[in-house]
């Protein structure tokens, strides 16, 4: 998709508050479009992991170990 140069100029001519409001509207449009699909994907992933754990093919990891790797 090619961005319309006129549109970009119009947006850049807006004041800081107006640009911030536009950013919020645009961000919300991404959130709304992807929420249902993302929730379904994570639901499927959670069920898969729970099934794998119950079948013994996935082991549990202590939270302290996980966070220890993240924090360092």
C-alpha atoms as a PDB file:
ATOM      1  CA  UNK A   1       0.000   0.000   0.000  1.00  0.00           C
ATOM      2  CA  UNK A   2       1.340   3.407  -0.931  1.00  0.00           C
ATOM      3  CA  UNK A   3       0.629   6.214   1.526  1.00  0.00           C
ATOM      4  CA  UNK A   4      -1.038   9.262   0.042  1.00  0.00           C
ATOM      5  CA  UNK A   5       1.431  12.158   0.399  1.00  0.00           C
ATOM      6  CA  UNK A   6      -1.425  14.659   0.754  1.00  0.00           C
ATOM      7  CA  UNK A   7      -2.846  12.709   3.672  1.00  0.00           C
ATOM      8  CA  UNK A   8       0.550  12.581   5.366  1.00  0.00           C
ATOM      9  CA  UNK A   9       0.947  16.350   4.972  1.00  0.00           C
ATOM     10  CA  UNK A  10      -2.527  16.935   6.401  1.00  0.00           C
ATOM     11  CA  UNK A  11      -1.780  14.757   9.412  1.00  0.00           C
ATOM     12  CA  UNK A  12       1.568  16.431  10.026  1.00  0.00           C
ATOM     13  CA  UNK A  13      -0.141  19.826   9.879  1.00  0.00           C
ATOM     14  CA  UNK A  14      -2.373  18.859  12.805  1.00  0.00           C
ATOM     15  CA  UNK A  15      -1.508  20.069  16.272  1.00  0.00           C
ATOM     16  CA  UNK A  16       0.074  17.709  18.795  1.00  0.00           C
ATOM     17  CA  UNK A  17      -3.201  17.012  20.600  1.00  0.00           C
ATOM     18  CA  UNK A  18      -5.050  16.282  17.353  1.00  0.00           C
ATOM     19  CA  UNK A  19      -2.258  13.924  16.219  1.00  0.00           C
ATOM     20  CA  UNK A  20      -2.374  12.156  19.592  1.00  0.00           C
ATOM     21  CA  UNK A  21      -6.138  11.703  19.248  1.00  0.00           C
ATOM     22  CA  UNK A  22      -5.659  10.338  15.727  1.00  0.00           C
ATOM     23  CA  UNK A  23      -3.060   7.882  17.013  1.00  0.00           C
ATOM     24  CA  UNK A  24      -5.505   6.662  19.672  1.00  0.00           C
ATOM     25  CA  UNK A  25      -8.235   6.132  17.079  1.00  0.00           C
ATOM     26  CA  UNK A  26      -5.882   4.277  14.748  1.00  0.00           C
ATOM     27  CA  UNK A  27      -4.509   2.107  17.567  1.00  0.00           C
ATOM     28  CA  UNK A  28      -8.018   1.222  18.698  1.00  0.00           C
ATOM     29  CA  UNK A  29      -8.879   0.116  15.161  1.00  0.00           C
ATOM     30  CA  UNK A  30      -6.040  -2.439  15.306  1.00  0.00           C
ATOM     31  CA  UNK A  31      -7.104  -3.653  18.739  1.00  0.00           C
ATOM     32  CA  UNK A  32     -10.739  -4.173  17.706  1.00  0.00           C
ATOM     33  CA  UNK A  33      -9.854  -6.018  14.521  1.00  0.00           C
ATOM     34  CA  UNK A  34      -7.497  -8.480  16.154  1.00  0.00           C
ATOM     35  CA  UNK A  35      -9.029  -9.091  19.580  1.00  0.00           C
ATOM     36  CA  UNK A  36     -11.375 -11.934  18.681  1.00  0.00           C
ATOM     37  CA  UNK A  37      -8.827 -13.738  16.527  1.00  0.00           C
ATOM     38  CA  UNK A  38      -6.106 -13.335  19.131  1.00  0.00           C
ATOM     39  CA  UNK A  39      -8.343 -14.564  21.943  1.00  0.00           C
ATOM     40  CA  UNK A  40      -9.299 -17.615  19.895  1.00  0.00           C
ATOM     41  CA  UNK A  41      -5.652 -18.359  19.092  1.00  0.00           C
ATOM     42  CA  UNK A  42      -4.572 -18.050  22.727  1.00  0.00           C
ATOM     43  CA  UNK A  43      -7.534 -20.179  23.817  1.00  0.00           C
ATOM     44  CA  UNK A  44      -6.462 -22.891  21.405  1.00  0.00           C
ATOM     45  CA  UNK A  45      -2.839 -22.615  22.580  1.00  0.00           C
ATOM     46  CA  UNK A  46      -3.841 -22.853  26.246  1.00  0.00           C
ATOM     47  CA  UNK A  47      -5.981 -25.940  25.588  1.00  0.00           C
ATOM     48  CA  UNK A  48      -3.137 -27.522  23.623  1.00  0.00           C
ATOM     49  CA  UNK A  49      -0.668 -26.930  26.424  1.00  0.00           C
ATOM     50  CA  UNK A  50      -3.063 -28.232  29.057  1.00  0.00           C
ATOM     51  CA  UNK A  51      -3.725 -31.375  26.998  1.00  0.00           C
ATOM     52  CA  UNK A  52       0.020 -31.907  26.508  1.00  0.00           C
ATOM     53  CA  UNK A  53       0.644 -31.465  30.241  1.00  0.00           C
ATOM     54  CA  UNK A  54      -2.166 -33.890  31.127  1.00  0.00           C
ATOM     55  CA  UNK A  55      -0.748 -36.436  28.644  1.00  0.00           C
ATOM     56  CA  UNK A  56       2.703 -36.107  30.200  1.00  0.00           C
ATOM     57  CA  UNK A  57       4.386 -34.733  27.094  1.00  0.00           C
ATOM     58  CA  UNK A  58       4.869 -31.261  28.589  1.00  0.00           C
ATOM     59  CA  UNK A  59       6.430 -30.679  31.971  1.00  0.00           C
ATOM     60  CA  UNK A  60       5.682 -27.826  34.343  1.00  0.00           C
ATOM     61  CA  UNK A  61       8.346 -25.222  35.054  1.00  0.00           C
ATOM     62  CA  UNK A  62       8.477 -23.331  38.335  1.00  0.00           C
ATOM     63  CA  UNK A  63       7.607 -19.636  37.996  1.00  0.00           C
ATOM     64  CA  UNK A  64      10.793 -18.713  39.893  1.00  0.00           C
ATOM     65  CA  UNK A  65      12.841 -20.479  37.212  1.00  0.00           C
ATOM     66  CA  UNK A  66      11.016 -18.728  34.378  1.00  0.00           C
ATOM     67  CA  UNK A  67      11.294 -15.276  35.934  1.00  0.00           C
ATOM     68  CA  UNK A  68      14.897 -15.964  36.917  1.00  0.00           C
ATOM     69  CA  UNK A  69      15.756 -16.405  33.237  1.00  0.00           C
ATOM     70  CA  UNK A  70      13.947 -13.211  32.296  1.00  0.00           C
ATOM     71  CA  UNK A  71      15.321 -11.016  35.051  1.00  0.00           C
ATOM     72  CA  UNK A  72      18.789 -12.487  34.887  1.00  0.00           C
END
